[in-house]
Protein backbone atom coordinates (compact mmCIF):
# COMPACT_ATOMS: atom_id res chain seq x y z
CA MET A 1 -21.94 -16.51 7.60
CA ALA A 2 -19.59 -14.89 5.11
CA ILE A 3 -16.55 -16.58 6.65
CA LEU A 4 -18.30 -19.96 6.72
CA LEU A 5 -19.48 -19.56 3.13
CA ASN A 6 -15.95 -18.88 1.90
CA LYS A 7 -14.73 -22.13 3.47
CA GLN A 8 -17.05 -24.11 1.19
CA LYS A 9 -14.53 -24.69 -1.58
CA TRP A 10 -16.90 -27.11 -3.34
CA LEU A 11 -19.06 -24.11 -4.30
CA ASP A 12 -18.37 -22.38 -7.61
CA PRO A 13 -16.04 -19.40 -6.88
CA GLY A 14 -18.26 -16.97 -8.80
CA ARG A 15 -21.35 -18.02 -6.88
CA ARG A 16 -19.44 -17.96 -3.60
CA TYR A 17 -18.20 -14.41 -4.37
CA TRP A 18 -21.71 -13.16 -5.24
CA TRP A 19 -23.36 -14.56 -2.12
CA THR A 20 -20.60 -13.18 0.10
CA LYS A 21 -21.12 -9.67 -1.30
CA GLU A 22 -24.87 -9.97 -0.77
CA ILE A 23 -24.45 -11.11 2.85
CA LEU A 24 -22.12 -8.17 3.56
CA ARG A 25 -23.96 -5.49 1.57
CA ARG A 26 -25.57 -3.86 4.62
CA PHE A 27 -22.28 -4.03 6.54
CA ALA A 28 -20.55 -2.13 3.73
CA ALA A 29 -23.25 0.54 3.75
CA GLU A 30 -23.06 1.05 7.51
CA ASP A 31 -19.28 1.16 8.07
CA ILE A 32 -17.08 1.07 4.99
CA ASN A 33 -13.79 1.13 6.93
CA GLU A 34 -14.75 -1.88 9.05
CA TYR A 35 -16.14 -3.64 5.98
CA HIS A 36 -12.83 -3.52 4.11
CA LYS A 37 -10.94 -4.37 7.31
CA PHE A 38 -13.17 -7.43 7.74
CA LEU A 39 -12.49 -8.61 4.18
CA TRP A 40 -8.71 -8.27 4.52
CA SER A 41 -8.63 -9.76 8.01
CA ASN A 42 -10.46 -12.86 6.81
CA HIS A 43 -8.96 -13.12 3.30
CA ILE A 44 -12.30 -13.18 1.47
CA LEU A 45 -13.82 -11.61 -1.68
CA TYR A 46 -11.19 -9.65 -3.64
CA THR A 47 -8.54 -10.40 -1.02
CA SER A 48 -8.65 -14.14 -1.80
CA THR A 49 -6.69 -13.59 -5.03
CA TYR A 50 -3.58 -12.73 -3.01
CA GLU A 51 -1.73 -16.04 -3.16
CA VAL A 52 2.01 -16.67 -3.49
CA GLY A 53 1.76 -18.30 -6.91
CA LEU A 54 -0.34 -15.46 -8.30
CA ARG A 55 1.64 -12.48 -6.98
CA PHE A 56 5.39 -13.13 -6.80
CA GLY A 57 7.61 -12.74 -9.85
CA PRO A 58 7.90 -10.11 -12.61
CA GLU A 59 5.34 -11.94 -14.74
CA ASN A 60 2.71 -11.30 -12.06
CA MET A 61 3.50 -7.64 -11.43
CA LYS A 62 0.57 -5.39 -12.32
CA GLU A 63 1.23 -2.83 -15.04
CA SER A 64 0.32 0.01 -12.70
CA ARG A 65 2.95 -1.18 -10.19
CA ARG A 66 5.60 -1.51 -12.90
CA ILE A 67 4.91 2.09 -13.84
CA PHE A 68 4.96 3.17 -10.19
CA PHE A 69 8.33 1.59 -9.45
CA HIS A 70 9.85 2.88 -12.70
CA VAL A 71 8.76 6.43 -11.82
CA LEU A 72 10.10 6.04 -8.27
CA ASN A 73 13.43 4.74 -9.54
CA GLU A 74 13.82 7.63 -11.98
CA TYR A 75 12.86 10.22 -9.38
CA LEU A 76 15.40 8.95 -6.86
CA ILE A 77 18.10 9.27 -9.52
CA LYS A 78 17.01 12.87 -10.13
CA LEU A 79 17.37 13.48 -6.39
CA GLY A 80 20.96 12.29 -6.66
CA LYS A 81 20.17 9.04 -4.85
CA SER A 82 21.32 5.74 -6.34
CA PRO A 83 18.46 3.25 -5.81
CA GLU A 84 20.99 0.41 -5.82
CA LYS A 85 23.46 1.99 -3.38
CA ASP A 86 21.83 4.75 -1.31
CA ILE A 87 18.56 3.23 -0.05
CA PHE A 88 19.05 1.13 3.06
CA SER A 89 15.59 0.90 4.67
CA VAL A 90 12.08 0.53 3.30
CA LEU A 91 8.68 0.10 4.94
CA GLU A 92 5.62 -0.95 2.94
CA VAL A 93 2.24 -0.13 4.45
CA GLY A 94 -0.26 -2.70 3.22
CA CYS A 95 2.33 -5.21 1.99
CA SER A 96 0.07 -8.28 1.64
CA LEU A 97 2.33 -11.27 0.82
CA GLY A 98 5.42 -9.08 0.51
CA TYR A 99 5.80 -9.53 -3.25
CA GLN A 100 6.45 -5.83 -3.88
CA LEU A 101 9.09 -5.75 -1.16
CA ARG A 102 10.71 -8.76 -2.83
CA HIS A 103 10.73 -6.83 -6.11
CA MET A 104 12.39 -3.88 -4.39
CA GLU A 105 14.91 -6.22 -2.77
CA THR A 106 16.00 -7.88 -6.01
CA GLU A 107 15.42 -5.20 -8.65
CA MET A 108 15.76 -1.79 -7.02
CA PHE A 109 17.23 -1.34 -3.54
CA LEU A 110 20.06 -3.84 -3.65
CA ALA A 111 21.91 -2.35 -0.66
CA ALA A 112 18.84 -2.31 1.60
CA THR A 113 19.32 -4.25 4.80
CA CYS A 114 15.88 -3.42 6.16
CA LEU A 115 12.83 -4.28 4.04
CA GLU A 116 9.75 -4.47 6.22
CA GLY A 117 6.03 -4.60 5.67
CA ILE A 118 2.81 -4.58 7.66
CA ASP A 119 -0.62 -5.81 6.62
CA ILE A 120 -3.88 -6.70 8.33
CA ASP A 121 -4.24 -9.94 6.34
CA GLU A 122 -2.81 -12.54 8.72
CA TYR A 123 -3.13 -15.29 6.10
CA ALA A 124 -1.09 -13.29 3.57
CA ILE A 125 1.57 -12.44 6.13
CA GLU A 126 1.90 -16.11 7.13
CA LYS A 127 2.06 -17.47 3.58
CA GLY A 128 4.28 -14.67 2.33
CA SER A 129 6.68 -15.05 5.25
CA GLU A 130 6.97 -18.79 4.65
CA PHE A 131 7.78 -18.25 0.99
CA LEU A 132 10.27 -15.43 1.64
CA LYS A 133 12.05 -17.43 4.32
CA GLY A 134 12.32 -20.35 1.92
CA ILE A 135 14.13 -18.26 -0.68
CA LYS A 136 16.34 -16.60 1.97
CA SER A 137 14.91 -13.14 1.42
CA ARG A 138 15.72 -10.26 3.78
CA VAL A 139 12.07 -9.11 3.73
CA VAL A 140 10.31 -9.17 7.12
CA LEU A 141 6.51 -9.07 7.38
CA LYS A 142 4.31 -8.32 10.35
CA VAL A 143 0.56 -8.40 10.97
CA GLY A 144 -0.81 -4.96 11.75
CA CYS A 145 -3.50 -2.47 10.78
CA MET A 146 -2.34 0.67 8.99
CA GLN A 147 -4.70 2.69 11.17
CA ASP A 148 -2.52 1.65 14.11
CA LEU A 149 0.74 2.49 12.34
CA GLU A 150 2.03 4.83 15.05
CA ASN A 151 1.75 2.18 17.73
CA ILE A 152 3.34 -0.47 15.50
CA ILE A 153 6.48 1.35 14.38
CA ARG A 154 6.60 4.00 17.13
CA ASN A 155 9.71 6.17 16.67
CA LYS A 156 11.25 4.12 13.85
CA THR A 157 12.00 5.83 10.55
CA TYR A 158 12.87 4.54 7.10
CA ASP A 159 14.52 5.98 4.01
CA ILE A 160 11.35 5.29 2.01
CA VAL A 161 7.80 4.40 3.04
CA ILE A 162 5.67 2.81 0.30
CA CYS A 163 1.88 2.70 0.21
CA THR A 164 0.23 1.59 -3.05
CA GLY A 165 -3.42 0.76 -3.63
CA VAL A 166 -4.19 0.59 0.08
CA LEU A 167 -5.50 4.00 1.14
CA MET A 168 -8.49 3.29 -1.10
CA TYR A 169 -9.88 1.00 1.62
CA LEU A 170 -10.27 3.85 4.13
CA ASP A 171 -12.58 6.84 4.08
CA GLU A 172 -11.05 10.30 3.81
CA PRO A 173 -10.53 11.09 7.53
CA ALA A 174 -8.96 7.68 8.24
CA ALA A 175 -6.80 7.80 5.09
CA SER A 176 -5.60 11.28 6.02
CA LYS A 177 -4.47 10.05 9.43
CA VAL A 178 -2.50 7.20 7.84
CA VAL A 179 -0.85 9.61 5.39
CA GLY A 180 0.21 11.75 8.34
CA SER A 181 1.86 8.75 9.98
CA ILE A 182 3.58 7.73 6.75
CA LEU A 183 5.06 11.21 6.31
CA THR A 184 6.36 11.22 9.86
CA HIS A 185 8.33 7.99 9.36
CA ALA A 186 9.80 8.65 5.90
CA ASN A 187 13.28 10.20 5.83
CA ILE A 188 13.79 10.67 2.11
CA LEU A 189 10.24 10.39 0.80
CA ALA A 190 6.86 8.72 1.10
CA ALA A 191 5.78 7.07 -2.16
CA MET A 192 2.03 6.57 -2.55
CA SER A 193 -0.45 5.70 -5.27
CA CYS A 194 -4.22 5.51 -5.47
CA PRO A 195 -6.64 4.67 -8.31
CA ALA A 196 -8.43 7.36 -10.25
CA LEU A 197 -11.73 7.33 -12.09
CA PRO A 198 -11.51 6.87 -15.87
CA GLY A 199 -10.53 10.16 -17.48
CA VAL A 200 -10.35 11.97 -14.13
CA ASN A 201 -7.22 13.22 -12.42
CA SER A 202 -7.83 12.69 -8.71
CA VAL A 203 -5.98 15.91 -7.84
CA ASP A 204 -9.04 17.76 -9.12
CA LEU A 205 -11.34 16.15 -6.54
CA LYS A 206 -12.66 18.39 -3.79
CA GLN A 207 -13.37 15.38 -1.58
CA SER A 208 -12.93 11.61 -1.70
CA ILE A 209 -15.60 9.60 -3.52
CA VAL A 210 -16.64 5.93 -3.44
CA ARG A 211 -16.06 3.69 -6.46
CA GLU A 212 -19.22 1.70 -7.11
CA SER A 213 -17.54 -1.50 -8.33
CA ASP A 214 -15.91 -2.38 -4.99
CA SER A 215 -16.84 0.38 -2.51
CA ALA A 216 -13.22 1.58 -2.52
CA TYR A 217 -12.36 5.27 -2.18
CA ILE A 218 -10.86 7.53 -4.82
CA HIS A 219 -8.71 10.02 -2.90
CA ASN A 220 -6.95 13.24 -3.75
CA ILE A 221 -3.64 12.24 -2.15
CA LEU A 222 -2.18 15.70 -2.67
CA SER A 223 -4.95 17.08 -0.49
CA LEU A 224 -4.30 14.43 2.18
CA VAL A 225 -0.60 15.35 2.21
CA ASN A 226 -1.39 19.05 2.52
CA ASP A 227 -3.87 18.37 5.32
CA ASN A 228 -0.99 16.85 7.29
CA SER A 229 1.38 19.78 6.65
CA GLY A 230 3.41 17.66 4.26
CA GLU A 231 5.14 18.73 1.08
CA VAL A 232 4.30 17.15 -2.27
CA ILE A 233 7.58 16.86 -4.20
CA PHE A 234 6.24 14.95 -7.21
CA SER A 235 2.86 13.96 -8.60
CA ALA A 236 1.70 12.34 -11.81
CA HIS A 237 -1.47 10.95 -13.34
CA GLU A 238 -0.72 7.68 -15.16
CA THR A 239 -2.80 5.40 -17.37
CA THR A 240 -2.35 1.68 -18.03
CA SER A 241 -2.92 -0.03 -21.37
CA ASP A 242 -6.50 -0.90 -20.37
CA ARG A 243 -7.08 2.84 -19.73
CA SER A 244 -7.21 2.47 -15.95
CA GLY A 245 -6.01 5.68 -14.33
CA PHE A 246 -4.07 6.14 -11.12
CA ASN A 247 -2.17 8.86 -9.33
CA ILE A 248 1.39 8.70 -8.04
CA VAL A 249 2.45 11.08 -5.27
CA PHE A 250 5.85 11.43 -3.62
CA ALA A 251 5.90 13.58 -0.51
CA LYS A 252 7.86 14.38 2.63
CA ASN A 253 7.47 16.22 5.90
CA LYS A 254 8.27 19.89 5.67
CA PRO A 255 11.61 20.61 7.42
CA ARG A 256 11.24 21.98 10.93
CA ASN A 257 13.55 24.70 12.18
CA GLY A 258 15.52 24.45 8.96
CA THR A 259 16.54 20.82 9.54
CA GLU A 260 15.77 17.65 7.60
CA ASN A 261 14.68 14.33 9.10
CA LEU A 262 17.50 12.20 10.48
CA ASN A 263 18.51 9.35 8.18
CA SER A 264 18.07 6.51 10.66
CA TYR A 265 15.88 3.49 11.16
CA ASN A 266 15.24 0.52 13.39
CA HIS A 267 13.86 -2.90 12.63
CA LEU A 268 10.35 -4.02 13.48
CA ASN A 269 10.24 -6.22 16.56
C-alpha cells in the first residue's frame, strides 16, 4: 500500500508523506532495520528527496557535509598525506546518487582512479550513474546493502572508506557489524559521521538511542569502533548554523603483528 500510495503523484506531497508514515508505523515499531531498508529500497518518505537536481553541486552540499570534508582534508594533511596527490582509492558506504563521491573526485582526491559507492536505493544508483556517466565522471556506483558489505567487496581494500549519515538507519548491533567491515577494508582510515542530539555529544552515550522525529539511531561511533577492536585516531563534535549536532570519527584497524594494512585496492565488479 505504501509503494502504491507513493506512485500517486497527483496527491499533495505532504498528505502522501503523512499517510505513508501512518501505514508503516507498525512496521517501524516491529523491525526498525527492515523499516529503513524498505524505505531506501523503494525510494519513499525521506528518501524521495534524493534526486540529481537536488543533490549534486556545491550549492546543494549540506553544511554538515562541508564541515565533514573540510575536517577530513585537514586531518589527511596532518598525517602527511596530500589529499590531491596521495589518495588513489575511495569507497563510500551508503552513497545514494554518488554526489559526495563526485565532490571528492573534483574537489579533494584529484589523483584518485577508484571512486566507488554502494547503496541499497536502486533508483538512486540508476539515476546517479546515468548523470555521472553523462559528465564523464570516474565514479562507479553499485546496488548493495551495507549489511552485506563483506560479500560485496570481499577482500578489496581502499585508501579511505567513507560512511556519513548512514549508520543511523541500523540498530546498534547491526551498525557495529558494518563498522567492523568498514575498518577491515580501509587502509589509511575510515571516516564516519553520525547525528547527535541537540546539546549532547554522542560519545557520552552508554548505548544507542532512537530519534523520535524519524526513528533513526543516535550512535556512539567511538564505542562501535572499540567494539570491533579498532583504533579511534580522531573524533570531534560539530554543530551547524541551525544548531544541529553531529559527530565525526576517523578510525583504523589496530596493526597486527606490528604491521600496517597493505596499501592496495581492487575495483568493484
